[in-house]
All heavy atoms as atom14 arrays in JSON, in Angstrom:
{
  "sequence": "AGEVLFGENKAQELRDKFPLMQQYNRVEWHFIGHLQTNKVKDV",
  "atom14_mask": [
    [1, 1, 1, 1, 1, 0, 0, 0, 0, 0, 0, 0, 0, 0],
    [1, 1, 1, 1, 0, 0, 0, 0, 0, 0, 0, 0, 0, 0],
    [1, 1, 1, 1, 1, 1, 1, 1, 1, 0, 0, 0, 0, 0],
    [1, 1, 1, 1, 1, 1, 1, 0, 0, 0, 0, 0, 0, 0],
    [1, 1, 1, 1, 1, 1, 1, 1, 0, 0, 0, 0, 0, 0],
    [1, 1, 1, 1, 1, 1, 1, 1, 1, 1, 1, 0, 0, 0],
    [1, 1, 1, 1, 0, 0, 0, 0, 0, 0, 0, 0, 0, 0],
    [1, 1, 1, 1, 1, 1, 1, 1, 1, 0, 0, 0, 0, 0],
    [1, 1, 1, 1, 1, 1, 1, 1, 0, 0, 0, 0, 0, 0],
    [1, 1, 1, 1, 1, 1, 1, 1, 1, 0, 0, 0, 0, 0],
    [1, 1, 1, 1, 1, 0, 0, 0, 0, 0, 0, 0, 0, 0],
    [1, 1, 1, 1, 1, 1, 1, 1, 1, 0, 0, 0, 0, 0],
    [1, 1, 1, 1, 1, 1, 1, 1, 1, 0, 0, 0, 0, 0],
    [1, 1, 1, 1, 1, 1, 1, 1, 0, 0, 0, 0, 0, 0],
    [1, 1, 1, 1, 1, 1, 1, 1, 1, 1, 1, 0, 0, 0],
    [1, 1, 1, 1, 1, 1, 1, 1, 0, 0, 0, 0, 0, 0],
    [1, 1, 1, 1, 1, 1, 1, 1, 1, 0, 0, 0, 0, 0],
    [1, 1, 1, 1, 1, 1, 1, 1, 1, 1, 1, 0, 0, 0],
    [1, 1, 1, 1, 1, 1, 1, 0, 0, 0, 0, 0, 0, 0],
    [1, 1, 1, 1, 1, 1, 1, 1, 0, 0, 0, 0, 0, 0],
    [1, 1, 1, 1, 1, 1, 1, 1, 0, 0, 0, 0, 0, 0],
    [1, 1, 1, 1, 1, 1, 1, 1, 1, 0, 0, 0, 0, 0],
    [1, 1, 1, 1, 1, 1, 1, 1, 1, 0, 0, 0, 0, 0],
    [1, 1, 1, 1, 1, 1, 1, 1, 1, 1, 1, 1, 0, 0],
    [1, 1, 1, 1, 1, 1, 1, 1, 0, 0, 0, 0, 0, 0],
    [1, 1, 1, 1, 1, 1, 1, 1, 1, 1, 1, 0, 0, 0],
    [1, 1, 1, 1, 1, 1, 1, 0, 0, 0, 0, 0, 0, 0],
    [1, 1, 1, 1, 1, 1, 1, 1, 1, 0, 0, 0, 0, 0],
    [1, 1, 1, 1, 1, 1, 1, 1, 1, 1, 1, 1, 1, 1],
    [1, 1, 1, 1, 1, 1, 1, 1, 1, 1, 0, 0, 0, 0],
    [1, 1, 1, 1, 1, 1, 1, 1, 1, 1, 1, 0, 0, 0],
    [1, 1, 1, 1, 1, 1, 1, 1, 0, 0, 0, 0, 0, 0],
    [1, 1, 1, 1, 0, 0, 0, 0, 0, 0, 0, 0, 0, 0],
    [1, 1, 1, 1, 1, 1, 1, 1, 1, 1, 0, 0, 0, 0],
    [1, 1, 1, 1, 1, 1, 1, 1, 0, 0, 0, 0, 0, 0],
    [1, 1, 1, 1, 1, 1, 1, 1, 1, 0, 0, 0, 0, 0],
    [1, 1, 1, 1, 1, 1, 1, 0, 0, 0, 0, 0, 0, 0],
    [1, 1, 1, 1, 1, 1, 1, 1, 0, 0, 0, 0, 0, 0],
    [1, 1, 1, 1, 1, 1, 1, 1, 1, 0, 0, 0, 0, 0],
    [1, 1, 1, 1, 1, 1, 1, 0, 0, 0, 0, 0, 0, 0],
    [1, 1, 1, 1, 1, 1, 1, 1, 1, 0, 0, 0, 0, 0],
    [1, 1, 1, 1, 1, 1, 1, 1, 0, 0, 0, 0, 0, 0],
    [1, 1, 1, 1, 1, 1, 1, 0, 0, 0, 0, 0, 0, 0]
  ],
  "atom14_positions": [
    [[-41.89, 15.84, 67.76], [-42.27, 14.59, 68.44], [-41.34, 13.44, 68.05], [-41.54, 12.31, 68.5], [-43.71, 14.23, 68.11], [0.0, 0.0, 0.0], [0.0, 0.0, 0.0], [0.0, 0.0, 0.0], [0.0, 0.0, 0.0], [0.0, 0.0, 0.0], [0.0, 0.0, 0.0], [0.0, 0.0, 0.0], [0.0, 0.0, 0.0], [0.0, 0.0, 0.0]],
    [[-40.36, 13.72, 67.21], [-39.36, 12.72, 66.87], [-39.5, 12.05, 65.52], [-38.7, 11.16, 65.18], [0.0, 0.0, 0.0], [0.0, 0.0, 0.0], [0.0, 0.0, 0.0], [0.0, 0.0, 0.0], [0.0, 0.0, 0.0], [0.0, 0.0, 0.0], [0.0, 0.0, 0.0], [0.0, 0.0, 0.0], [0.0, 0.0, 0.0], [0.0, 0.0, 0.0]],
    [[-40.48, 12.46, 64.71], [-40.67, 11.83, 63.4], [-39.66, 12.38, 62.39], [-39.34, 13.58, 62.41], [-42.09, 12.05, 62.89], [-43.16, 11.43, 63.79], [-43.01, 9.92, 63.95], [-42.6, 9.26, 62.97], [-43.31, 9.41, 65.04], [0.0, 0.0, 0.0], [0.0, 0.0, 0.0], [0.0, 0.0, 0.0], [0.0, 0.0, 0.0], [0.0, 0.0, 0.0]],
    [[-39.18, 11.51, 61.51], [-38.12, 11.93, 60.57], [-38.42, 11.59, 59.11], [-37.71, 12.03, 58.22], [-36.77, 11.29, 60.95], [-36.29, 11.79, 62.3], [-36.85, 9.76, 60.96], [0.0, 0.0, 0.0], [0.0, 0.0, 0.0], [0.0, 0.0, 0.0], [0.0, 0.0, 0.0], [0.0, 0.0, 0.0], [0.0, 0.0, 0.0], [0.0, 0.0, 0.0]],
    [[-39.48, 10.81, 58.84], [-39.73, 10.35, 57.47], [-41.04, 10.93, 56.96], [-42.11, 10.7, 57.54], [-39.78, 8.82, 57.44], [-39.95, 8.15, 56.08], [-38.84, 8.55, 55.12], [-39.99, 6.63, 56.22], [0.0, 0.0, 0.0], [0.0, 0.0, 0.0], [0.0, 0.0, 0.0], [0.0, 0.0, 0.0], [0.0, 0.0, 0.0], [0.0, 0.0, 0.0]],
    [[-40.96, 11.69, 55.86], [-42.11, 12.39, 55.32], [-42.24, 12.14, 53.82], [-41.23, 11.98, 53.13], [-41.98, 13.9, 55.59], [-41.99, 14.24, 57.05], [-40.83, 14.15, 57.81], [-43.16, 14.62, 57.69], [-40.82, 14.44, 59.16], [-43.17, 14.9, 59.04], [-42.01, 14.81, 59.78], [0.0, 0.0, 0.0], [0.0, 0.0, 0.0], [0.0, 0.0, 0.0]],
    [[-43.48, 12.1, 53.34], [-43.72, 11.84, 51.92], [-44.67, 12.86, 51.33], [-45.7, 13.18, 51.93], [0.0, 0.0, 0.0], [0.0, 0.0, 0.0], [0.0, 0.0, 0.0], [0.0, 0.0, 0.0], [0.0, 0.0, 0.0], [0.0, 0.0, 0.0], [0.0, 0.0, 0.0], [0.0, 0.0, 0.0], [0.0, 0.0, 0.0], [0.0, 0.0, 0.0]],
    [[-44.34, 13.36, 50.15], [-45.18, 14.37, 49.5], [-45.73, 13.84, 48.19], [-45.1, 13.04, 47.51], [-44.34, 15.64, 49.26], [-45.13, 16.82, 48.74], [-46.39, 17.1, 49.56], [-46.27, 17.49, 50.73], [-47.49, 16.92, 49.0], [0.0, 0.0, 0.0], [0.0, 0.0, 0.0], [0.0, 0.0, 0.0], [0.0, 0.0, 0.0], [0.0, 0.0, 0.0]],
    [[-46.95, 14.29, 47.85], [-47.64, 13.85, 46.64], [-47.47, 14.76, 45.44], [-47.64, 14.32, 44.31], [-49.15, 13.75, 46.91], [-49.54, 12.49, 47.6], [-49.21, 12.3, 48.76], [-50.23, 11.61, 46.9], [0.0, 0.0, 0.0], [0.0, 0.0, 0.0], [0.0, 0.0, 0.0], [0.0, 0.0, 0.0], [0.0, 0.0, 0.0], [0.0, 0.0, 0.0]],
    [[-47.21, 16.02, 45.7], [-47.17, 17.01, 44.62], [-45.79, 17.67, 44.57], [-45.25, 18.09, 45.6], [-48.23, 18.09, 44.87], [-49.67, 17.58, 44.75], [-50.12, 17.54, 43.32], [-51.59, 17.17, 43.19], [-52.03, 17.08, 41.81], [0.0, 0.0, 0.0], [0.0, 0.0, 0.0], [0.0, 0.0, 0.0], [0.0, 0.0, 0.0], [0.0, 0.0, 0.0]],
    [[-45.25, 17.77, 43.36], [-43.92, 18.36, 43.19], [-43.88, 19.8, 43.7], [-42.9, 20.21, 44.34], [-43.51, 18.31, 41.71], [0.0, 0.0, 0.0], [0.0, 0.0, 0.0], [0.0, 0.0, 0.0], [0.0, 0.0, 0.0], [0.0, 0.0, 0.0], [0.0, 0.0, 0.0], [0.0, 0.0, 0.0], [0.0, 0.0, 0.0], [0.0, 0.0, 0.0]],
    [[-44.93, 20.57, 43.45], [-44.96, 21.97, 43.88], [-44.93, 22.08, 45.41], [-44.19, 22.89, 45.97], [-46.21, 22.66, 43.33], [-46.34, 24.13, 43.73], [-45.22, 24.99, 43.15], [-44.95, 24.95, 41.96], [-44.55, 25.74, 44.02], [0.0, 0.0, 0.0], [0.0, 0.0, 0.0], [0.0, 0.0, 0.0], [0.0, 0.0, 0.0], [0.0, 0.0, 0.0]],
    [[-45.72, 21.25, 46.07], [-45.72, 21.29, 47.54], [-44.37, 20.88, 48.1], [-43.88, 21.45, 49.08], [-46.82, 20.37, 48.1], [-48.21, 20.97, 48.05], [-49.2, 20.19, 48.9], [-48.99, 20.07, 50.12], [-50.19, 19.68, 48.34], [0.0, 0.0, 0.0], [0.0, 0.0, 0.0], [0.0, 0.0, 0.0], [0.0, 0.0, 0.0], [0.0, 0.0, 0.0]],
    [[-43.75, 19.89, 47.49], [-42.42, 19.45, 47.92], [-41.42, 20.59, 47.78], [-40.63, 20.85, 48.69], [-41.99, 18.25, 47.07], [-40.59, 17.69, 47.33], [-40.49, 17.11, 48.74], [-40.26, 16.62, 46.3], [0.0, 0.0, 0.0], [0.0, 0.0, 0.0], [0.0, 0.0, 0.0], [0.0, 0.0, 0.0], [0.0, 0.0, 0.0], [0.0, 0.0, 0.0]],
    [[-41.49, 21.28, 46.65], [-40.57, 22.39, 46.38], [-40.76, 23.51, 47.4], [-39.79, 24.13, 47.84], [-40.81, 22.89, 44.96], [-39.71, 23.76, 44.38], [-39.83, 23.84, 42.88], [-41.14, 24.34, 42.47], [-41.83, 23.86, 41.45], [-41.36, 22.85, 40.75], [-43.0, 24.37, 41.12], [0.0, 0.0, 0.0], [0.0, 0.0, 0.0], [0.0, 0.0, 0.0]],
    [[-42.01, 23.75, 47.78], [-42.3, 24.82, 48.74], [-41.87, 24.46, 50.16], [-41.36, 25.29, 50.9], [-43.8, 25.14, 48.74], [-44.26, 25.78, 47.43], [-43.39, 26.22, 46.64], [-45.48, 25.81, 47.19], [0.0, 0.0, 0.0], [0.0, 0.0, 0.0], [0.0, 0.0, 0.0], [0.0, 0.0, 0.0], [0.0, 0.0, 0.0], [0.0, 0.0, 0.0]],
    [[-42.11, 23.2, 50.54], [-41.86, 22.8, 51.93], [-40.39, 22.51, 52.21], [-39.9, 22.76, 53.32], [-42.69, 21.54, 52.26], [-44.17, 21.8, 52.41], [-44.96, 20.49, 52.47], [-46.45, 20.78, 52.57], [-47.26, 19.59, 52.38], [0.0, 0.0, 0.0], [0.0, 0.0, 0.0], [0.0, 0.0, 0.0], [0.0, 0.0, 0.0], [0.0, 0.0, 0.0]],
    [[-39.69, 21.99, 51.24], [-38.34, 21.49, 51.49], [-37.41, 22.54, 52.11], [-36.78, 22.27, 53.14], [-37.74, 20.93, 50.2], [-36.43, 20.23, 50.4], [-36.38, 18.89, 50.75], [-35.23, 20.92, 50.25], [-35.16, 18.25, 50.95], [-34.02, 20.28, 50.45], [-33.99, 18.94, 50.8], [0.0, 0.0, 0.0], [0.0, 0.0, 0.0], [0.0, 0.0, 0.0]],
    [[-37.29, 23.74, 51.51], [-36.35, 24.7, 52.11], [-36.74, 25.14, 53.51], [-35.88, 25.44, 54.35], [-36.39, 25.9, 51.13], [-37.59, 25.71, 50.29], [-37.9, 24.25, 50.28], [0.0, 0.0, 0.0], [0.0, 0.0, 0.0], [0.0, 0.0, 0.0], [0.0, 0.0, 0.0], [0.0, 0.0, 0.0], [0.0, 0.0, 0.0], [0.0, 0.0, 0.0]],
    [[-38.04, 25.14, 53.81], [-38.51, 25.56, 55.13], [-38.2, 24.52, 56.2], [-38.23, 24.8, 57.39], [-40.02, 25.84, 55.09], [-40.45, 26.92, 54.1], [-41.97, 26.96, 53.99], [-39.92, 28.29, 54.53], [0.0, 0.0, 0.0], [0.0, 0.0, 0.0], [0.0, 0.0, 0.0], [0.0, 0.0, 0.0], [0.0, 0.0, 0.0], [0.0, 0.0, 0.0]],
    [[-37.93, 23.29, 55.75], [-37.68, 22.2, 56.69], [-36.2, 21.88, 56.84], [-35.83, 20.96, 57.54], [-38.41, 20.94, 56.22], [-39.87, 21.17, 55.89], [-40.83, 21.42, 57.35], [-41.15, 19.73, 57.74], [0.0, 0.0, 0.0], [0.0, 0.0, 0.0], [0.0, 0.0, 0.0], [0.0, 0.0, 0.0], [0.0, 0.0, 0.0], [0.0, 0.0, 0.0]],
    [[-35.35, 22.63, 56.16], [-33.92, 22.3, 56.15], [-33.28, 22.38, 57.53], [-32.27, 21.75, 57.77], [-33.17, 23.25, 55.19], [-33.35, 22.88, 53.73], [-32.74, 21.52, 53.4], [-33.34, 20.49, 53.65], [-31.54, 21.52, 52.85], [0.0, 0.0, 0.0], [0.0, 0.0, 0.0], [0.0, 0.0, 0.0], [0.0, 0.0, 0.0], [0.0, 0.0, 0.0]],
    [[-33.89, 23.16, 58.42], [-33.32, 23.27, 59.77], [-33.38, 21.94, 60.51], [-32.62, 21.71, 61.44], [-34.09, 24.33, 60.56], [-35.58, 24.03, 60.67], [-36.33, 25.13, 61.39], [-36.05, 25.41, 62.55], [-37.28, 25.75, 60.72], [0.0, 0.0, 0.0], [0.0, 0.0, 0.0], [0.0, 0.0, 0.0], [0.0, 0.0, 0.0], [0.0, 0.0, 0.0]],
    [[-34.3, 21.07, 60.08], [-34.4, 19.74, 60.7], [-33.55, 18.76, 59.88], [-34.03, 18.09, 58.98], [-35.86, 19.29, 60.73], [-36.75, 20.21, 61.52], [-37.46, 21.23, 60.88], [-36.89, 20.08, 62.9], [-38.28, 22.08, 61.61], [-37.7, 20.93, 63.63], [-38.39, 21.93, 62.98], [-39.2, 22.78, 63.69], [0.0, 0.0, 0.0], [0.0, 0.0, 0.0]],
    [[-32.28, 18.69, 60.2], [-31.36, 18.0, 59.31], [-31.51, 16.48, 59.31], [-30.93, 15.8, 58.48], [-29.91, 18.39, 59.6], [-29.53, 18.16, 61.05], [-30.26, 17.5, 61.78], [-28.4, 18.71, 61.47], [0.0, 0.0, 0.0], [0.0, 0.0, 0.0], [0.0, 0.0, 0.0], [0.0, 0.0, 0.0], [0.0, 0.0, 0.0], [0.0, 0.0, 0.0]],
    [[-32.31, 15.93, 60.22], [-32.48, 14.46, 60.22], [-33.61, 14.04, 59.29], [-33.84, 12.86, 59.08], [-32.81, 13.97, 61.64], [-31.68, 14.15, 62.64], [-32.12, 13.63, 64.0], [-33.33, 14.28, 64.46], [-34.39, 13.64, 64.95], [-34.39, 12.33, 65.03], [-35.46, 14.31, 65.36], [0.0, 0.0, 0.0], [0.0, 0.0, 0.0], [0.0, 0.0, 0.0]],
    [[-34.37, 15.0, 58.78], [-35.59, 14.68, 58.03], [-35.26, 14.08, 56.66], [-34.36, 14.54, 55.96], [-36.45, 15.95, 57.86], [-37.57, 15.7, 56.87], [-37.02, 16.37, 59.2], [0.0, 0.0, 0.0], [0.0, 0.0, 0.0], [0.0, 0.0, 0.0], [0.0, 0.0, 0.0], [0.0, 0.0, 0.0], [0.0, 0.0, 0.0], [0.0, 0.0, 0.0]],
    [[-36.01, 13.03, 56.32], [-35.86, 12.38, 55.02], [-37.19, 12.52, 54.26], [-38.26, 12.28, 54.82], [-35.53, 10.9, 55.22], [-35.33, 10.13, 53.92], [-35.0, 8.65, 54.15], [-34.72, 8.27, 55.3], [-35.04, 7.89, 53.18], [0.0, 0.0, 0.0], [0.0, 0.0, 0.0], [0.0, 0.0, 0.0], [0.0, 0.0, 0.0], [0.0, 0.0, 0.0]],
    [[-37.09, 12.91, 52.99], [-38.29, 13.09, 52.17], [-38.39, 12.01, 51.11], [-37.39, 11.65, 50.48], [-38.25, 14.45, 51.46], [-38.58, 15.6, 52.34], [-37.71, 16.42, 53.01], [-39.9, 16.08, 52.68], [-38.39, 17.36, 53.74], [-39.73, 17.18, 53.54], [-41.18, 15.68, 52.31], [-40.82, 17.89, 54.06], [-42.26, 16.38, 52.83], [-42.08, 17.48, 53.69]],
    [[-39.59, 11.49, 50.92], [-39.9, 10.58, 49.82], [-40.97, 11.24, 48.94], [-41.72, 12.1, 49.4], [-40.46, 9.25, 50.34], [-39.46, 8.41, 51.07], [-39.75, 7.15, 51.55], [-38.16, 8.63, 51.41], [-38.69, 6.65, 52.15], [-37.71, 7.53, 52.08], [0.0, 0.0, 0.0], [0.0, 0.0, 0.0], [0.0, 0.0, 0.0], [0.0, 0.0, 0.0]],
    [[-41.04, 10.81, 47.68], [-42.14, 11.27, 46.81], [-43.1, 10.09, 46.64], [-42.7, 9.01, 46.21], [-41.62, 11.73, 45.45], [-42.69, 12.44, 44.64], [-43.0, 13.76, 44.91], [-43.4, 11.77, 43.66], [-44.0, 14.42, 44.21], [-44.4, 12.41, 42.96], [-44.71, 13.74, 43.23], [0.0, 0.0, 0.0], [0.0, 0.0, 0.0], [0.0, 0.0, 0.0]],
    [[-44.39, 10.32, 46.97], [-45.34, 9.21, 47.0], [-46.52, 9.39, 46.05], [-47.4, 8.53, 45.99], [-45.86, 8.97, 48.44], [-46.55, 10.22, 49.0], [-44.71, 8.55, 49.35], [-47.16, 10.02, 50.39], [0.0, 0.0, 0.0], [0.0, 0.0, 0.0], [0.0, 0.0, 0.0], [0.0, 0.0, 0.0], [0.0, 0.0, 0.0], [0.0, 0.0, 0.0]],
    [[-46.55, 10.5, 45.31], [-47.68, 10.76, 44.42], [-47.38, 10.41, 42.97], [-46.28, 9.98, 42.63], [0.0, 0.0, 0.0], [0.0, 0.0, 0.0], [0.0, 0.0, 0.0], [0.0, 0.0, 0.0], [0.0, 0.0, 0.0], [0.0, 0.0, 0.0], [0.0, 0.0, 0.0], [0.0, 0.0, 0.0], [0.0, 0.0, 0.0], [0.0, 0.0, 0.0]],
    [[-48.37, 10.61, 42.12], [-48.19, 10.39, 40.69], [-47.17, 11.41, 40.18], [-47.31, 12.61, 40.4], [-49.51, 10.56, 39.95], [-49.39, 10.41, 38.47], [-49.04, 9.21, 37.88], [-49.54, 11.3, 37.46], [-49.0, 9.38, 36.58], [-49.3, 10.64, 36.3], [0.0, 0.0, 0.0], [0.0, 0.0, 0.0], [0.0, 0.0, 0.0], [0.0, 0.0, 0.0]],
    [[-46.15, 10.93, 39.48], [-45.07, 11.8, 39.02], [-45.14, 11.97, 37.51], [-45.03, 11.0, 36.76], [-43.72, 11.22, 39.44], [-42.47, 12.02, 39.05], [-42.56, 13.46, 39.55], [-41.21, 11.34, 39.6], [0.0, 0.0, 0.0], [0.0, 0.0, 0.0], [0.0, 0.0, 0.0], [0.0, 0.0, 0.0], [0.0, 0.0, 0.0], [0.0, 0.0, 0.0]],
    [[-45.33, 13.22, 37.09], [-45.31, 13.52, 35.66], [-43.86, 13.7, 35.21], [-43.01, 14.17, 35.98], [-46.12, 14.8, 35.42], [-47.58, 14.69, 35.81], [-48.2, 16.05, 36.03], [-48.41, 16.47, 37.17], [-48.48, 16.76, 34.96], [0.0, 0.0, 0.0], [0.0, 0.0, 0.0], [0.0, 0.0, 0.0], [0.0, 0.0, 0.0], [0.0, 0.0, 0.0]],
    [[-43.58, 13.36, 33.98], [-42.2, 13.41, 33.5], [-41.64, 14.83, 33.53], [-40.44, 15.01, 33.75], [-42.08, 12.83, 32.08], [-43.02, 13.5, 31.22], [-42.36, 11.34, 32.06], [0.0, 0.0, 0.0], [0.0, 0.0, 0.0], [0.0, 0.0, 0.0], [0.0, 0.0, 0.0], [0.0, 0.0, 0.0], [0.0, 0.0, 0.0], [0.0, 0.0, 0.0]],
    [[-42.49, 15.83, 33.36], [-41.97, 17.21, 33.36], [-41.71, 17.75, 34.76], [-41.26, 18.86, 34.92], [-42.92, 18.15, 32.59], [-44.3, 18.26, 33.22], [-44.59, 17.58, 34.2], [-45.15, 19.09, 32.66], [0.0, 0.0, 0.0], [0.0, 0.0, 0.0], [0.0, 0.0, 0.0], [0.0, 0.0, 0.0], [0.0, 0.0, 0.0], [0.0, 0.0, 0.0]],
    [[-41.99, 16.94, 35.78], [-41.7, 17.34, 37.17], [-40.5, 16.58, 37.75], [-40.15, 16.77, 38.9], [-42.93, 17.08, 38.05], [-44.17, 17.87, 37.66], [-43.99, 19.35, 37.89], [-45.31, 20.12, 37.9], [-46.11, 19.96, 36.71], [0.0, 0.0, 0.0], [0.0, 0.0, 0.0], [0.0, 0.0, 0.0], [0.0, 0.0, 0.0], [0.0, 0.0, 0.0]],
    [[-39.92, 15.71, 36.95], [-38.81, 14.86, 37.42], [-37.65, 15.7, 37.94], [-37.08, 15.41, 39.0], [-38.36, 13.92, 36.28], [-36.95, 13.42, 36.52], [-39.33, 12.75, 36.14], [0.0, 0.0, 0.0], [0.0, 0.0, 0.0], [0.0, 0.0, 0.0], [0.0, 0.0, 0.0], [0.0, 0.0, 0.0], [0.0, 0.0, 0.0], [0.0, 0.0, 0.0]],
    [[-37.31, 16.75, 37.22], [-36.16, 17.57, 37.58], [-36.31, 18.15, 38.98], [-35.36, 18.21, 39.76], [-35.98, 18.69, 36.55], [-34.72, 19.5, 36.72], [-34.59, 20.51, 35.59], [-33.31, 21.33, 35.74], [-33.18, 22.33, 34.66], [0.0, 0.0, 0.0], [0.0, 0.0, 0.0], [0.0, 0.0, 0.0], [0.0, 0.0, 0.0], [0.0, 0.0, 0.0]],
    [[-37.55, 18.59, 39.29], [-37.8, 19.15, 40.62], [-37.68, 18.09, 41.71], [-37.04, 18.32, 42.74], [-39.22, 19.75, 40.68], [-39.36, 20.98, 39.81], [-38.37, 21.7, 39.67], [-40.46, 21.2, 39.29], [0.0, 0.0, 0.0], [0.0, 0.0, 0.0], [0.0, 0.0, 0.0], [0.0, 0.0, 0.0], [0.0, 0.0, 0.0], [0.0, 0.0, 0.0]],
    [[-38.28, 16.94, 41.46], [-38.4, 15.93, 42.52], [-37.06, 15.31, 42.9], [-36.78, 15.1, 44.08], [-39.43, 14.86, 42.1], [-39.36, 13.65, 43.02], [-40.84, 15.45, 42.11], [0.0, 0.0, 0.0], [0.0, 0.0, 0.0], [0.0, 0.0, 0.0], [0.0, 0.0, 0.0], [0.0, 0.0, 0.0], [0.0, 0.0, 0.0], [0.0, 0.0, 0.0]]
  ]
}
């Protein structure tokens, strides 16, 4: 439908979804949830 900006709350969900969405090369991801220091590397 033309949307390009998406935000995820959980590092694990972001890690799972990101590679599946790579075909949509215009998509931009933000992290919007509470971020634990041990998840920084992933995010």
